[in-house]
Amino acid sequence: MHFSSPAEIFGVDGIIILVVVVLVLFGSTQIPKLARSLGSAQKEFKKGLDEGASDDATPPTTQVAAPVVIAVPATPPAVAAPPAQPSSANVNGDGSAGQTA
């Protein structure tokens, strides 16, 4: 079985029919807009490929953070004495502090 290339399938007659069908479907006013949008899309695609290639070519720069230095005092701070607890002798039966009469 022999397969021919796509250009040979259409031939000149097929290309003319294809152009006529496109003109009928899109109309003569829409063809320039379609061609313009296809051209701008192709340009944006190529621009994106170029930007992607330039990003791959340059190694990414890494920023190293400066080390954090924490100042530690040479002597530990003085520990405050705990608050004085009332003695059990000065506590009334109801839990309040004071003298019993």
PDB file of N, CA and C in Angstrom:
ATOM      1  N   MET A   1       0.842  -1.165   0.000  1.00  0.00           N
ATOM      2  CA  MET A   1       0.000   0.000   0.000  1.00  0.00           C
ATOM      3  C   MET A   1       0.890   1.233   0.000  1.00  0.00           C
ATOM      4  N   HIS A   2       0.580   2.206  -0.791  1.00  0.00           N
ATOM      5  CA  HIS A   2       1.387   3.410  -0.967  1.00  0.00           C
ATOM      6  C   HIS A   2       0.613   4.613  -0.418  1.00  0.00           C
ATOM      7  N   PHE A   3       1.269   5.320   0.546  1.00  0.00           N
ATOM      8  CA  PHE A   3       0.668   6.537   1.089  1.00  0.00           C
ATOM      9  C   PHE A   3       1.377   7.734   0.498  1.00  0.00           C
ATOM     10  N   SER A   4       0.599   8.723   0.089  1.00  0.00           N
ATOM     11  CA  SER A   4       1.200   9.927  -0.477  1.00  0.00           C
ATOM     12  C   SER A   4       1.249  11.021   0.584  1.00  0.00           C
ATOM     13  N   SER A   5       2.054  12.031   0.320  1.00  0.00           N
ATOM     14  CA  SER A   5       2.181  13.138   1.265  1.00  0.00           C
ATOM     15  C   SER A   5       0.900  13.967   1.260  1.00  0.00           C
ATOM     16  N   PRO A   6       0.632  14.724   2.319  1.00  0.00           N
ATOM     17  CA  PRO A   6      -0.599  15.520   2.389  1.00  0.00           C
ATOM     18  C   PRO A   6      -0.723  16.521   1.243  1.00  0.00           C
ATOM     19  N   ALA A   7       0.377  17.039   0.746  1.00  0.00           N
ATOM     20  CA  ALA A   7       0.301  18.004  -0.357  1.00  0.00           C
ATOM     21  C   ALA A   7      -0.242  17.338  -1.620  1.00  0.00           C
ATOM     22  N   GLU A   8       0.084  16.072  -1.810  1.00  0.00           N
ATOM     23  CA  GLU A   8      -0.406  15.374  -2.997  1.00  0.00           C
ATOM     24  C   GLU A   8      -1.868  14.985  -2.866  1.00  0.00           C
ATOM     25  N   ILE A   9      -2.352  14.841  -1.628  1.00  0.00           N
ATOM     26  CA  ILE A   9      -3.767  14.497  -1.442  1.00  0.00           C
ATOM     27  C   ILE A   9      -4.639  15.664  -1.889  1.00  0.00           C
ATOM     28  N   PHE A  10      -4.288  16.881  -1.487  1.00  0.00           N
ATOM     29  CA  PHE A  10      -5.097  18.034  -1.847  1.00  0.00           C
ATOM     30  C   PHE A  10      -4.878  18.432  -3.304  1.00  0.00           C
ATOM     31  N   GLY A  11      -3.644  18.598  -3.668  1.00  0.00           N
ATOM     32  CA  GLY A  11      -3.354  19.050  -5.018  1.00  0.00           C
ATOM     33  C   GLY A  11      -3.796  20.497  -5.191  1.00  0.00           C
ATOM     34  N   VAL A  12      -3.747  20.986  -6.410  1.00  0.00           N
ATOM     35  CA  VAL A  12      -4.123  22.376  -6.699  1.00  0.00           C
ATOM     36  C   VAL A  12      -5.626  22.553  -6.553  1.00  0.00           C
ATOM     37  N   ASP A  13      -6.392  21.585  -7.023  1.00  0.00           N
ATOM     38  CA  ASP A  13      -7.856  21.692  -6.932  1.00  0.00           C
ATOM     39  C   ASP A  13      -8.314  21.692  -5.473  1.00  0.00           C
ATOM     40  N   GLY A  14      -7.707  20.871  -4.668  1.00  0.00           N
ATOM     41  CA  GLY A  14      -8.081  20.806  -3.255  1.00  0.00           C
ATOM     42  C   GLY A  14      -7.752  22.085  -2.515  1.00  0.00           C
ATOM     43  N   ILE A  15      -6.622  22.705  -2.845  1.00  0.00           N
ATOM     44  CA  ILE A  15      -6.243  23.959  -2.192  1.00  0.00           C
ATOM     45  C   ILE A  15      -7.217  25.070  -2.567  1.00  0.00           C
ATOM     46  N   ILE A  16      -7.623  25.126  -3.819  1.00  0.00           N
ATOM     47  CA  ILE A  16      -8.586  26.149  -4.262  1.00  0.00           C
ATOM     48  C   ILE A  16      -9.915  25.948  -3.542  1.00  0.00           C
ATOM     49  N   ILE A  17     -10.350  24.723  -3.413  1.00  0.00           N
ATOM     50  CA  ILE A  17     -11.614  24.449  -2.716  1.00  0.00           C
ATOM     51  C   ILE A  17     -11.489  24.830  -1.243  1.00  0.00           C
ATOM     52  N   LEU A  18     -10.361  24.540  -0.642  1.00  0.00           N
ATOM     53  CA  LEU A  18     -10.136  24.895   0.758  1.00  0.00           C
ATOM     54  C   LEU A  18     -10.193  26.404   0.966  1.00  0.00           C
ATOM     55  N   VAL A  19      -9.585  27.179   0.088  1.00  0.00           N
ATOM     56  CA  VAL A  19      -9.605  28.644   0.187  1.00  0.00           C
ATOM     57  C   VAL A  19     -11.027  29.165   0.050  1.00  0.00           C
ATOM     58  N   VAL A  20     -11.790  28.604  -0.873  1.00  0.00           N
ATOM     59  CA  VAL A  20     -13.182  29.042  -1.064  1.00  0.00           C
ATOM     60  C   VAL A  20     -14.009  28.729   0.189  1.00  0.00           C
ATOM     61  N   VAL A  21     -13.823  27.564   0.764  1.00  0.00           N
ATOM     62  CA  VAL A  21     -14.575  27.198   1.970  1.00  0.00           C
ATOM     63  C   VAL A  21     -14.218  28.128   3.132  1.00  0.00           C
ATOM     64  N   VAL A  22     -12.933  28.462   3.275  1.00  0.00           N
ATOM     65  CA  VAL A  22     -12.516  29.380   4.340  1.00  0.00           C
ATOM     66  C   VAL A  22     -13.133  30.751   4.125  1.00  0.00           C
ATOM     67  N   LEU A  23     -13.156  31.241   2.899  1.00  0.00           N
ATOM     68  CA  LEU A  23     -13.772  32.538   2.615  1.00  0.00           C
ATOM     69  C   LEU A  23     -15.257  32.525   2.928  1.00  0.00           C
ATOM     70  N   VAL A  24     -15.939  31.456   2.617  1.00  0.00           N
ATOM     71  CA  VAL A  24     -17.375  31.380   2.882  1.00  0.00           C
ATOM     72  C   VAL A  24     -17.640  31.313   4.391  1.00  0.00           C
ATOM     73  N   LEU A  25     -16.850  30.519   5.089  1.00  0.00           N
ATOM     74  CA  LEU A  25     -17.077  30.369   6.530  1.00  0.00           C
ATOM     75  C   LEU A  25     -16.749  31.632   7.312  1.00  0.00           C
ATOM     76  N   PHE A  26     -15.622  32.247   7.029  1.00  0.00           N
ATOM     77  CA  PHE A  26     -15.177  33.391   7.824  1.00  0.00           C
ATOM     78  C   PHE A  26     -15.575  34.735   7.224  1.00  0.00           C
ATOM     79  N   GLY A  27     -15.807  34.807   5.964  1.00  0.00           N
ATOM     80  CA  GLY A  27     -16.134  36.078   5.337  1.00  0.00           C
ATOM     81  C   GLY A  27     -14.880  36.859   5.019  1.00  0.00           C
ATOM     82  N   SER A  28     -14.992  37.726   4.026  1.00  0.00           N
ATOM     83  CA  SER A  28     -13.808  38.468   3.583  1.00  0.00           C
ATOM     84  C   SER A  28     -13.361  39.506   4.611  1.00  0.00           C
ATOM     85  N   THR A  29     -14.238  39.953   5.512  1.00  0.00           N
ATOM     86  CA  THR A  29     -13.833  40.953   6.511  1.00  0.00           C
ATOM     87  C   THR A  29     -13.111  40.312   7.691  1.00  0.00           C
ATOM     88  N   GLN A  30     -13.371  39.047   7.972  1.00  0.00           N
ATOM     89  CA  GLN A  30     -12.775  38.392   9.123  1.00  0.00           C
ATOM     90  C   GLN A  30     -11.388  37.810   8.830  1.00  0.00           C
ATOM     91  N   ILE A  31     -11.075  37.577   7.572  1.00  0.00           N
ATOM     92  CA  ILE A  31      -9.789  36.964   7.204  1.00  0.00           C
ATOM     93  C   ILE A  31      -8.604  37.836   7.644  1.00  0.00           C
ATOM     94  N   PRO A  32      -8.599  39.162   7.392  1.00  0.00           N
ATOM     95  CA  PRO A  32      -7.457  39.965   7.866  1.00  0.00           C
ATOM     96  C   PRO A  32      -7.318  39.959   9.387  1.00  0.00           C
ATOM     97  N   LYS A  33      -8.435  39.985  10.096  1.00  0.00           N
ATOM     98  CA  LYS A  33      -8.375  39.944  11.558  1.00  0.00           C
ATOM     99  C   LYS A  33      -7.804  38.610  12.029  1.00  0.00           C
ATOM    100  N   LEU A  34      -8.221  37.530  11.378  1.00  0.00           N
ATOM    101  CA  LEU A  34      -7.724  36.214  11.730  1.00  0.00           C
ATOM    102  C   LEU A  34      -6.223  36.109  11.479  1.00  0.00           C
ATOM    103  N   ALA A  35      -5.775  36.614  10.334  1.00  0.00           N
ATOM    104  CA  ALA A  35      -4.346  36.570  10.000  1.00  0.00           C
ATOM    105  C   ALA A  35      -3.541  37.429  10.980  1.00  0.00           C
ATOM    106  N   ARG A  36      -4.075  38.586  11.357  1.00  0.00           N
ATOM    107  CA  ARG A  36      -3.390  39.473  12.294  1.00  0.00           C
ATOM    108  C   ARG A  36      -3.263  38.815  13.664  1.00  0.00           C
ATOM    109  N   SER A  37      -4.334  38.182  14.117  1.00  0.00           N
ATOM    110  CA  SER A  37      -4.277  37.546  15.437  1.00  0.00           C
ATOM    111  C   SER A  37      -3.343  36.336  15.422  1.00  0.00           C
ATOM    112  N   LEU A  38      -3.312  35.600  14.306  1.00  0.00           N
ATOM    113  CA  LEU A  38      -2.380  34.477  14.204  1.00  0.00           C
ATOM    114  C   LEU A  38      -0.929  34.964  14.205  1.00  0.00           C
ATOM    115  N   GLY A  39      -0.676  36.081  13.524  1.00  0.00           N
ATOM    116  CA  GLY A  39       0.675  36.648  13.497  1.00  0.00           C
ATOM    117  C   GLY A  39       1.123  37.123  14.870  1.00  0.00           C
ATOM    118  N   SER A  40       0.228  37.784  15.594  1.00  0.00           N
ATOM    119  CA  SER A  40       0.607  38.265  16.927  1.00  0.00           C
ATOM    120  C   SER A  40       0.782  37.096  17.895  1.00  0.00           C
ATOM    121  N   ALA A  41      -0.030  36.063  17.741  1.00  0.00           N
ATOM    122  CA  ALA A  41       0.132  34.885  18.600  1.00  0.00           C
ATOM    123  C   ALA A  41       1.465  34.201  18.329  1.00  0.00           C
ATOM    124  N   GLN A  42       1.851  34.126  17.062  1.00  0.00           N
ATOM    125  CA  GLN A  42       3.132  33.510  16.712  1.00  0.00           C
ATOM    126  C   GLN A  42       4.288  34.337  17.282  1.00  0.00           C
ATOM    127  N   LYS A  43       4.165  35.662  17.211  1.00  0.00           N
ATOM    128  CA  LYS A  43       5.220  36.532  17.733  1.00  0.00           C
ATOM    129  C   LYS A  43       5.349  36.385  19.249  1.00  0.00           C
ATOM    130  N   GLU A  44       4.218  36.323  19.954  1.00  0.00           N
ATOM    131  CA  GLU A  44       4.257  36.140  21.405  1.00  0.00           C
ATOM    132  C   GLU A  44       4.836  34.776  21.767  1.00  0.00           C
ATOM    133  N   PHE A  45       4.519  33.750  20.983  1.00  0.00           N
ATOM    134  CA  PHE A  45       5.042  32.411  21.238  1.00  0.00           C
ATOM    135  C   PHE A  45       6.561  32.393  21.087  1.00  0.00           C
ATOM    136  N   LYS A  46       7.068  33.005  20.021  1.00  0.00           N
ATOM    137  CA  LYS A  46       8.519  33.057  19.814  1.00  0.00           C
ATOM    138  C   LYS A  46       9.200  33.862  20.915  1.00  0.00           C
ATOM    139  N   LYS A  47       8.551  34.949  21.348  1.00  0.00           N
ATOM    140  CA  LYS A  47       9.109  35.772  22.424  1.00  0.00           C
ATOM    141  C   LYS A  47       9.191  34.961  23.714  1.00  0.00           C
ATOM    142  N   GLY A  48       8.168  34.168  23.995  1.00  0.00           N
ATOM    143  CA  GLY A  48       8.174  33.318  25.179  1.00  0.00           C
ATOM    144  C   GLY A  48       9.259  32.256  25.104  1.00  0.00           C
ATOM    145  N   LEU A  49       9.471  31.685  23.917  1.00  0.00           N
ATOM    146  CA  LEU A  49      10.533  30.693  23.758  1.00  0.00           C
ATOM    147  C   LEU A  49      11.898  31.316  23.984  1.00  0.00           C
ATOM    148  N   ASP A  50      12.102  32.531  23.452  1.00  0.00           N
ATOM    149  CA  ASP A  50      13.382  33.217  23.638  1.00  0.00           C
ATOM    150  C   ASP A  50      13.626  33.535  25.114  1.00  0.00           C
ATOM    151  N   GLU A  51      12.578  33.991  25.822  1.00  0.00           N
ATOM    152  CA  GLU A  51      12.725  34.301  27.236  1.00  0.00           C
ATOM    153  C   GLU A  51      13.014  33.034  28.036  1.00  0.00           C
ATOM    154  N   GLY A  52      12.358  31.939  27.678  1.00  0.00           N
ATOM    155  CA  GLY A  52      12.602  30.685  28.369  1.00  0.00           C
ATOM    156  C   GLY A  52      14.014  30.181  28.137  1.00  0.00           C
ATOM    157  N   ALA A  53      14.521  30.350  26.917  1.00  0.00           N
ATOM    158  CA  ALA A  53      15.881  29.917  26.613  1.00  0.00           C
ATOM    159  C   ALA A  53      16.904  30.783  27.343  1.00  0.00           C
ATOM    160  N   SER A  54      16.635  32.089  27.440  1.00  0.00           N
ATOM    161  CA  SER A  54      17.581  32.964  28.137  1.00  0.00           C
ATOM    162  C   SER A  54      17.560  32.684  29.636  1.00  0.00           C
ATOM    163  N   ASP A  55      16.401  32.303  30.190  1.00  0.00           N
ATOM    164  CA  ASP A  55      16.339  31.951  31.613  1.00  0.00           C
ATOM    165  C   ASP A  55      17.114  30.673  31.884  1.00  0.00           C
ATOM    166  N   ASP A  56      17.079  29.723  30.958  1.00  0.00           N
ATOM    167  CA  ASP A  56      17.811  28.472  31.137  1.00  0.00           C
ATOM    168  C   ASP A  56      19.310  28.674  30.983  1.00  0.00           C
ATOM    169  N   ALA A  57      19.721  29.644  30.165  1.00  0.00           N
ATOM    170  CA  ALA A  57      21.139  29.856  29.903  1.00  0.00           C
ATOM    171  C   ALA A  57      21.845  30.494  31.096  1.00  0.00           C
ATOM    172  N   THR A  58      21.171  31.375  31.828  1.00  0.00           N
ATOM    173  CA  THR A  58      21.798  32.043  32.964  1.00  0.00           C
ATOM    174  C   THR A  58      21.505  31.256  34.226  1.00  0.00           C
ATOM    175  N   PRO A  59      22.526  30.980  35.025  1.00  0.00           N
ATOM    176  CA  PRO A  59      22.281  30.254  36.274  1.00  0.00           C
ATOM    177  C   PRO A  59      21.537  31.151  37.254  1.00  0.00           C
ATOM    178  N   PRO A  60      20.654  30.600  38.035  1.00  0.00           N
ATOM    179  CA  PRO A  60      19.919  31.428  38.991  1.00  0.00           C
ATOM    180  C   PRO A  60      20.855  31.933  40.080  1.00  0.00           C
ATOM    181  N   THR A  61      20.643  33.160  40.483  1.00  0.00           N
ATOM    182  CA  THR A  61      21.469  33.749  41.534  1.00  0.00           C
ATOM    183  C   THR A  61      20.800  33.451  42.865  1.00  0.00           C
ATOM    184  N   THR A  62      21.587  32.952  43.795  1.00  0.00           N
ATOM    185  CA  THR A  62      21.053  32.674  45.120  1.00  0.00           C
ATOM    186  C   THR A  62      21.598  33.699  46.085  1.00  0.00           C
ATOM    187  N   GLN A  63      20.728  34.207  46.900  1.00  0.00           N
ATOM    188  CA  GLN A  63      21.133  35.191  47.890  1.00  0.00           C
ATOM    189  C   GLN A  63      21.292  34.470  49.227  1.00  0.00           C
ATOM    190  N   VAL A  64      22.425  34.704  49.843  1.00  0.00           N
ATOM    191  CA  VAL A  64      22.707  34.087  51.133  1.00  0.00           C
ATOM    192  C   VAL A  64      22.337  35.086  52.209  1.00  0.00           C
ATOM    193  N   ALA A  65      21.519  34.643  53.138  1.00  0.00           N
ATOM    194  CA  ALA A  65      21.101  35.524  54.221  1.00  0.00           C
ATOM    195  C   ALA A  65      22.259  35.727  55.189  1.00  0.00           C
ATOM    196  N   ALA A  66      22.336  36.923  55.735  1.00  0.00           N
ATOM    197  CA  ALA A  66      23.378  37.228  56.712  1.00  0.00           C
ATOM    198  C   ALA A  66      23.100  36.448  57.986  1.00  0.00           C
ATOM    199  N   PRO A  67      24.141  35.972  58.655  1.00  0.00           N
ATOM    200  CA  PRO A  67      23.907  35.212  59.888  1.00  0.00           C
ATOM    201  C   PRO A  67      23.325  36.110  60.970  1.00  0.00           C
ATOM    202  N   VAL A  68      22.445  35.546  61.759  1.00  0.00           N
ATOM    203  CA  VAL A  68      21.809  36.300  62.831  1.00  0.00           C
ATOM    204  C   VAL A  68      22.662  36.151  64.080  1.00  0.00           C
ATOM    205  N   VAL A  69      23.041  37.281  64.682  1.00  0.00           N
ATOM    206  CA  VAL A  69      23.869  37.279  65.885  1.00  0.00           C
ATOM    207  C   VAL A  69      22.983  37.680  67.046  1.00  0.00           C
ATOM    208  N   ILE A  70      22.961  36.834  68.075  1.00  0.00           N
ATOM    209  CA  ILE A  70      22.153  37.121  69.260  1.00  0.00           C
ATOM    210  C   ILE A  70      23.123  37.436  70.397  1.00  0.00           C
ATOM    211  N   ALA A  71      22.923  38.598  71.020  1.00  0.00           N
ATOM    212  CA  ALA A  71      23.778  39.007  72.134  1.00  0.00           C
ATOM    213  C   ALA A  71      23.342  38.279  73.391  1.00  0.00           C
ATOM    214  N   VAL A  72      24.291  37.621  74.034  1.00  0.00           N
ATOM    215  CA  VAL A  72      24.014  36.899  75.271  1.00  0.00           C
ATOM    216  C   VAL A  72      24.755  37.624  76.379  1.00  0.00           C
ATOM    217  N   PRO A  73      24.049  38.006  77.467  1.00  0.00           N
ATOM    218  CA  PRO A  73      24.745  38.710  78.550  1.00  0.00           C
ATOM    219  C   PRO A  73      25.748  37.779  79.219  1.00  0.00           C
ATOM    220  N   ALA A  74      26.837  38.373  79.703  1.00  0.00           N
ATOM    221  CA  ALA A  74      27.907  37.587  80.316  1.00  0.00           C
ATOM    222  C   ALA A  74      27.468  36.993  81.649  1.00  0.00           C
ATOM    223  N   THR A  75      26.687  37.727  82.431  1.00  0.00           N
ATOM    224  CA  THR A  75      26.232  37.223  83.723  1.00  0.00           C
ATOM    225  C   THR A  75      24.730  37.027  83.652  1.00  0.00           C
ATOM    226  N   PRO A  76      24.237  35.976  84.274  1.00  0.00           N
ATOM    227  CA  PRO A  76      22.778  35.782  84.269  1.00  0.00           C
ATOM    228  C   PRO A  76      22.097  36.837  85.127  1.00  0.00           C
ATOM    229  N   PRO A  77      20.898  37.210  84.780  1.00  0.00           N
ATOM    230  CA  PRO A  77      20.210  38.229  85.579  1.00  0.00           C
ATOM    231  C   PRO A  77      19.879  37.680  86.965  1.00  0.00           C
ATOM    232  N   ALA A  78      19.773  38.612  87.923  1.00  0.00           N
ATOM    233  CA  ALA A  78      19.478  38.219  89.301  1.00  0.00           C
ATOM    234  C   ALA A  78      18.058  37.683  89.361  1.00  0.00           C
ATOM    235  N   VAL A  79      17.901  36.599  90.112  1.00  0.00           N
ATOM    236  CA  VAL A  79      16.580  35.989  90.265  1.00  0.00           C
ATOM    237  C   VAL A  79      15.903  36.651  91.449  1.00  0.00           C
ATOM    238  N   ALA A  80      14.691  37.130  91.220  1.00  0.00           N
ATOM    239  CA  ALA A  80      13.947  37.783  92.301  1.00  0.00           C
ATOM    240  C   ALA A  80      13.447  36.731  93.273  1.00  0.00           C
ATOM    241  N   ALA A  81      13.386  37.120  94.521  1.00  0.00           N
ATOM    242  CA  ALA A  81      12.892  36.211  95.554  1.00  0.00           C
ATOM    243  C   ALA A  81      11.403  36.016  95.368  1.00  0.00           C
ATOM    244  N   PRO A  82      10.904  34.823  95.656  1.00  0.00           N
ATOM    245  CA  PRO A  82       9.461  34.597  95.518  1.00  0.00           C
ATOM    246  C   PRO A  82       8.702  35.426  96.531  1.00  0.00           C
ATOM    247  N   PRO A  83       7.468  35.791  96.240  1.00  0.00           N
ATOM    248  CA  PRO A  83       6.711  36.612  97.194  1.00  0.00           C
ATOM    249  C   PRO A  83       6.481  35.840  98.501  1.00  0.00           C
ATOM    250  N   ALA A  84       6.439  36.622  99.569  1.00  0.00           N
ATOM    251  CA  ALA A  84       6.291  36.016 100.889  1.00  0.00           C
ATOM    252  C   ALA A  84       4.897  35.436 101.033  1.00  0.00           C
ATOM    253  N   GLN A  85       4.822  34.224 101.585  1.00  0.00           N
ATOM    254  CA  GLN A  85       3.546  33.567 101.840  1.00  0.00           C
ATOM    255  C   GLN A  85       3.138  33.864 103.284  1.00  0.00           C
ATOM    256  N   PRO A  86       1.882  34.139 103.447  1.00  0.00           N
ATOM    257  CA  PRO A  86       1.469  34.343 104.851  1.00  0.00           C
ATOM    258  C   PRO A  86       1.576  33.022 105.612  1.00  0.00           C
ATOM    259  N   SER A  87       1.998  33.150 106.849  1.00  0.00           N
ATOM    260  CA  SER A  87       2.151  31.933 107.639  1.00  0.00           C
ATOM    261  C   SER A  87       0.787  31.412 108.039  1.00  0.00           C
ATOM    262  N   SER A  88       0.718  30.144 108.337  1.00  0.00           N
ATOM    263  CA  SER A  88      -0.565  29.534 108.674  1.00  0.00           C
ATOM    264  C   SER A  88      -1.086  30.036 110.017  1.00  0.00           C
ATOM    265  N   ALA A  89      -0.189  30.620 110.849  1.00  0.00           N
ATOM    266  CA  ALA A  89      -0.623  31.124 112.150  1.00  0.00           C
ATOM    267  C   ALA A  89      -1.469  32.373 111.977  1.00  0.00           C
ATOM    268  N   ASN A  90      -1.232  33.139 110.912  1.00  0.00           N
ATOM    269  CA  ASN A  90      -1.947  34.389 110.701  1.00  0.00           C
ATOM    270  C   ASN A  90      -3.184  34.215 109.817  1.00  0.00           C
ATOM    271  N   VAL A  91      -3.528  32.991 109.454  1.00  0.00           N
ATOM    272  CA  VAL A  91      -4.663  32.770 108.563  1.00  0.00           C
ATOM    273  C   VAL A  91      -5.860  32.351 109.397  1.00  0.00           C
ATOM    274  N   ASN A  92      -6.979  33.040 109.175  1.00  0.00           N
ATOM    275  CA  ASN A  92      -8.223  32.697 109.859  1.00  0.00           C
ATOM    276  C   ASN A  92      -8.797  31.426 109.280  1.00  0.00           C
ATOM    277  N   GLY A  93      -9.783  30.911 109.901  1.00  0.00           N
ATOM    278  CA  GLY A  93     -10.427  29.687 109.443  1.00  0.00           C
ATOM    279  C   GLY A  93     -11.132  29.868 108.115  1.00  0.00           C
ATOM    280  N   ASP A  94     -11.515  31.095 107.786  1.00  0.00           N
ATOM    281  CA  ASP A  94     -12.221  31.319 106.513  1.00  0.00           C
ATOM    282  C   ASP A  94     -11.243  31.602 105.380  1.00  0.00           C
ATOM    283  N   GLY A  95      -9.956  31.542 105.606  1.00  0.00           N
ATOM    284  CA  GLY A  95      -8.947  31.740 104.561  1.00  0.00           C
ATOM    285  C   GLY A  95      -8.433  33.140 104.489  1.00  0.00           C
ATOM    286  N   SER A  96      -8.961  34.076 105.266  1.00  0.00           N
ATOM    287  CA  SER A  96      -8.482  35.442 105.205  1.00  0.00           C
ATOM    288  C   SER A  96      -7.362  35.628 106.224  1.00  0.00           C
ATOM    289  N   ALA A  97      -6.437  36.477 105.877  1.00  0.00           N
ATOM    290  CA  ALA A  97      -5.305  36.702 106.755  1.00  0.00           C
ATOM    291  C   ALA A  97      -5.675  37.757 107.784  1.00  0.00           C
ATOM    292  N   GLY A  98      -5.148  37.651 108.908  1.00  0.00           N
ATOM    293  CA  GLY A  98      -5.415  38.647 109.948  1.00  0.00           C
ATOM    294  C   GLY A  98      -5.354  38.006 111.321  1.00  0.00           C
ATOM    295  N   GLN A  99      -5.596  38.829 112.324  1.00  0.00           N
ATOM    296  CA  GLN A  99      -5.553  38.320 113.696  1.00  0.00           C
ATOM    297  C   GLN A  99      -6.907  37.772 114.090  1.00  0.00           C
ATOM    298  N   THR A 100      -6.848  36.750 114.882  1.00  0.00           N
ATOM    299  CA  THR A 100      -8.087  36.175 115.370  1.00  0.00           C
ATOM    300  C   THR A 100      -8.449  36.821 116.701  1.00  0.00           C
ATOM    301  N   ALA A 101      -9.664  37.181 116.861  1.00  0.00           N
ATOM    302  CA  ALA A 101     -10.052  37.857 118.094  1.00  0.00           C
ATOM    303  C   ALA A 101     -10.844  36.979 119.010  1.00  0.00           C
TER     304      ALA A 101
END
